[in-house]
């Protein structure tokens, strides 16, 4: 399993990113579990767990309303597969990484892919 946390995203962009990952990999969230807005205007962190597999379904590029910050955390292979799936749908810019013996954490900035 690997955890994906999104910050600075509208509920629509969070739903778009999670939908791309849900199409590619099994998740702990049901398909009808959509991100909700919270009162107060604070940045929310939306989190879901995914089970990356060797065989996954890539998606075409998908537009976002604005940039989305994503943090991927898990085993090396799992994080690499999540990043690859995100790269099929969005422009992915690395923002930093922390590596350990068994796991890594990668910070990414996702944007709409331009043709």
C-alpha atoms as a PDB file:
ATOM      1  CA  UNK A   1       0.000   0.000   0.000  1.00  0.00           C
ATOM      2  CA  UNK A   2       0.994   3.574  -0.588  1.00  0.00           C
ATOM      3  CA  UNK A   3      -0.591   6.741   0.754  1.00  0.00           C
ATOM      4  CA  UNK A   4      -1.437   9.749  -1.397  1.00  0.00           C
ATOM      5  CA  UNK A   5      -2.089  13.062   0.355  1.00  0.00           C
ATOM      6  CA  UNK A   6      -3.318  16.111  -1.571  1.00  0.00           C
ATOM      7  CA  UNK A   7      -3.107  19.719  -0.357  1.00  0.00           C
ATOM      8  CA  UNK A   8      -4.044  23.008  -1.963  1.00  0.00           C
ATOM      9  CA  UNK A   9      -6.584  21.330  -4.216  1.00  0.00           C
ATOM     10  CA  UNK A  10     -10.196  22.208  -4.820  1.00  0.00           C
ATOM     11  CA  UNK A  11     -12.630  19.385  -4.129  1.00  0.00           C
ATOM     12  CA  UNK A  12     -12.998  18.974  -7.915  1.00  0.00           C
ATOM     13  CA  UNK A  13      -9.234  18.681  -8.488  1.00  0.00           C
ATOM     14  CA  UNK A  14      -8.874  16.272  -5.563  1.00  0.00           C
ATOM     15  CA  UNK A  15     -11.684  14.148  -7.024  1.00  0.00           C
ATOM     16  CA  UNK A  16      -9.949  14.236 -10.440  1.00  0.00           C
ATOM     17  CA  UNK A  17      -6.581  13.093  -9.064  1.00  0.00           C
ATOM     18  CA  UNK A  18      -8.124  10.347  -6.928  1.00  0.00           C
ATOM     19  CA  UNK A  19     -10.255   9.232  -9.896  1.00  0.00           C
ATOM     20  CA  UNK A  20      -7.149   8.821 -12.064  1.00  0.00           C
ATOM     21  CA  UNK A  21      -5.481   6.729  -9.360  1.00  0.00           C
ATOM     22  CA  UNK A  22      -8.692   4.774  -8.644  1.00  0.00           C
ATOM     23  CA  UNK A  23      -8.874   3.845 -12.358  1.00  0.00           C
ATOM     24  CA  UNK A  24      -5.310   2.555 -12.241  1.00  0.00           C
ATOM     25  CA  UNK A  25      -5.156   0.838  -8.831  1.00  0.00           C
ATOM     26  CA  UNK A  26      -7.284  -0.641  -6.040  1.00  0.00           C
ATOM     27  CA  UNK A  27      -7.961   1.803  -3.185  1.00  0.00           C
ATOM     28  CA  UNK A  28      -9.327   1.875   0.348  1.00  0.00           C
ATOM     29  CA  UNK A  29     -12.009   4.375  -0.727  1.00  0.00           C
ATOM     30  CA  UNK A  30     -15.335   3.524  -2.394  1.00  0.00           C
ATOM     31  CA  UNK A  31     -15.991   5.114  -5.805  1.00  0.00           C
ATOM     32  CA  UNK A  32     -18.737   7.332  -4.362  1.00  0.00           C
ATOM     33  CA  UNK A  33     -16.443   8.744  -1.639  1.00  0.00           C
ATOM     34  CA  UNK A  34     -15.893  12.211  -3.099  1.00  0.00           C
ATOM     35  CA  UNK A  35     -13.913  14.984  -1.383  1.00  0.00           C
ATOM     36  CA  UNK A  36     -16.073  17.575   0.359  1.00  0.00           C
ATOM     37  CA  UNK A  37     -15.465  21.244   1.104  1.00  0.00           C
ATOM     38  CA  UNK A  38     -15.032  22.202   4.748  1.00  0.00           C
ATOM     39  CA  UNK A  39     -16.072  25.529   6.272  1.00  0.00           C
ATOM     40  CA  UNK A  40     -13.378  27.931   7.349  1.00  0.00           C
ATOM     41  CA  UNK A  41     -11.390  28.246   4.125  1.00  0.00           C
ATOM     42  CA  UNK A  42      -8.353  26.377   5.489  1.00  0.00           C
ATOM     43  CA  UNK A  43      -6.218  24.161   3.286  1.00  0.00           C
ATOM     44  CA  UNK A  44      -7.369  20.590   3.656  1.00  0.00           C
ATOM     45  CA  UNK A  45      -5.301  17.467   3.373  1.00  0.00           C
ATOM     46  CA  UNK A  46      -7.169  14.731   1.520  1.00  0.00           C
ATOM     47  CA  UNK A  47      -5.702  11.253   1.856  1.00  0.00           C
ATOM     48  CA  UNK A  48      -6.322   7.830   0.305  1.00  0.00           C
ATOM     49  CA  UNK A  49      -4.409   4.558   0.186  1.00  0.00           C
ATOM     50  CA  UNK A  50      -3.746   2.694  -3.054  1.00  0.00           C
ATOM     51  CA  UNK A  51      -2.387  -0.768  -3.790  1.00  0.00           C
ATOM     52  CA  UNK A  52      -0.140  -0.294  -6.840  1.00  0.00           C
ATOM     53  CA  UNK A  53       0.129  -3.342  -9.082  1.00  0.00           C
ATOM     54  CA  UNK A  54       2.400  -4.261 -11.978  1.00  0.00           C
ATOM     55  CA  UNK A  55      -0.585  -4.163 -14.335  1.00  0.00           C
ATOM     56  CA  UNK A  56      -2.431  -0.858 -14.272  1.00  0.00           C
ATOM     57  CA  UNK A  57      -4.721   1.041 -16.596  1.00  0.00           C
ATOM     58  CA  UNK A  58      -3.231   4.350 -17.790  1.00  0.00           C
ATOM     59  CA  UNK A  59      -5.511   7.311 -18.388  1.00  0.00           C
ATOM     60  CA  UNK A  60      -5.384  10.070 -20.949  1.00  0.00           C
ATOM     61  CA  UNK A  61      -4.392  13.577 -19.829  1.00  0.00           C
ATOM     62  CA  UNK A  62      -7.000  15.139 -17.551  1.00  0.00           C
ATOM     63  CA  UNK A  63      -7.355  18.900 -16.891  1.00  0.00           C
ATOM     64  CA  UNK A  64      -7.013  20.434 -13.434  1.00  0.00           C
ATOM     65  CA  UNK A  65      -8.388  23.818 -12.338  1.00  0.00           C
ATOM     66  CA  UNK A  66      -5.076  24.665 -10.680  1.00  0.00           C
ATOM     67  CA  UNK A  67      -1.869  23.095  -9.385  1.00  0.00           C
ATOM     68  CA  UNK A  68      -2.218  20.288  -6.844  1.00  0.00           C
ATOM     69  CA  UNK A  69       0.430  19.360  -4.262  1.00  0.00           C
ATOM     70  CA  UNK A  70       0.667  15.603  -3.772  1.00  0.00           C
ATOM     71  CA  UNK A  71       2.718  13.613  -1.291  1.00  0.00           C
ATOM     72  CA  UNK A  72       3.270   9.934  -2.064  1.00  0.00           C
ATOM     73  CA  UNK A  73       4.480   7.705   0.754  1.00  0.00           C
ATOM     74  CA  UNK A  74       5.211   3.992   0.677  1.00  0.00           C
ATOM     75  CA  UNK A  75       7.602   1.381  -0.651  1.00  0.00           C
ATOM     76  CA  UNK A  76       9.889   2.354  -3.506  1.00  0.00           C
ATOM     77  CA  UNK A  77       8.106   0.302  -6.184  1.00  0.00           C
ATOM     78  CA  UNK A  78       4.654   1.451  -5.043  1.00  0.00           C
ATOM     79  CA  UNK A  79       5.600   5.138  -5.075  1.00  0.00           C
ATOM     80  CA  UNK A  80       7.237   4.773  -8.504  1.00  0.00           C
ATOM     81  CA  UNK A  81       4.083   3.158  -9.920  1.00  0.00           C
ATOM     82  CA  UNK A  82       1.837   5.881  -8.487  1.00  0.00           C
ATOM     83  CA  UNK A  83       4.111   8.557  -9.897  1.00  0.00           C
ATOM     84  CA  UNK A  84       4.079   6.864 -13.309  1.00  0.00           C
ATOM     85  CA  UNK A  85       0.262   6.719 -13.286  1.00  0.00           C
ATOM     86  CA  UNK A  86       0.040  10.392 -12.323  1.00  0.00           C
ATOM     87  CA  UNK A  87       2.534  11.243 -15.094  1.00  0.00           C
ATOM     88  CA  UNK A  88       0.229   9.713 -17.701  1.00  0.00           C
ATOM     89  CA  UNK A  89      -2.560  12.128 -16.728  1.00  0.00           C
ATOM     90  CA  UNK A  90      -0.742  15.247 -15.493  1.00  0.00           C
ATOM     91  CA  UNK A  91       2.504  17.162 -15.737  1.00  0.00           C
ATOM     92  CA  UNK A  92       4.423  16.020 -12.656  1.00  0.00           C
ATOM     93  CA  UNK A  93       7.150  18.170 -11.105  1.00  0.00           C
ATOM     94  CA  UNK A  94       9.258  16.785  -8.269  1.00  0.00           C
ATOM     95  CA  UNK A  95       9.368  19.064  -5.230  1.00  0.00           C
ATOM     96  CA  UNK A  96      11.461  16.931  -2.904  1.00  0.00           C
ATOM     97  CA  UNK A  97      11.968  13.430  -1.556  1.00  0.00           C
ATOM     98  CA  UNK A  98      12.969  11.662   1.637  1.00  0.00           C
ATOM     99  CA  UNK A  99      14.254   8.103   1.432  1.00  0.00           C
ATOM    100  CA  UNK A 100      14.545   5.432   4.064  1.00  0.00           C
ATOM    101  CA  UNK A 101      15.498   1.761   4.080  1.00  0.00           C
ATOM    102  CA  UNK A 102      12.084   0.436   3.079  1.00  0.00           C
ATOM    103  CA  UNK A 103      10.014   3.498   2.182  1.00  0.00           C
ATOM    104  CA  UNK A 104      10.194   6.844   0.522  1.00  0.00           C
ATOM    105  CA  UNK A 105       8.171  10.029   0.594  1.00  0.00           C
ATOM    106  CA  UNK A 106       7.961  12.122  -2.557  1.00  0.00           C
ATOM    107  CA  UNK A 107       6.442  15.597  -2.865  1.00  0.00           C
ATOM    108  CA  UNK A 108       5.028  16.430  -6.297  1.00  0.00           C
ATOM    109  CA  UNK A 109       3.289  19.333  -7.976  1.00  0.00           C
ATOM    110  CA  UNK A 110       0.623  18.224 -10.464  1.00  0.00           C
ATOM    111  CA  UNK A 111      -0.553  20.472 -13.294  1.00  0.00           C
ATOM    112  CA  UNK A 112      -2.647  20.097 -16.414  1.00  0.00           C
ATOM    113  CA  UNK A 113      -0.604  18.408 -19.136  1.00  0.00           C
ATOM    114  CA  UNK A 114      -0.078  20.656 -22.158  1.00  0.00           C
ATOM    115  CA  UNK A 115       0.116  19.145 -25.625  1.00  0.00           C
END
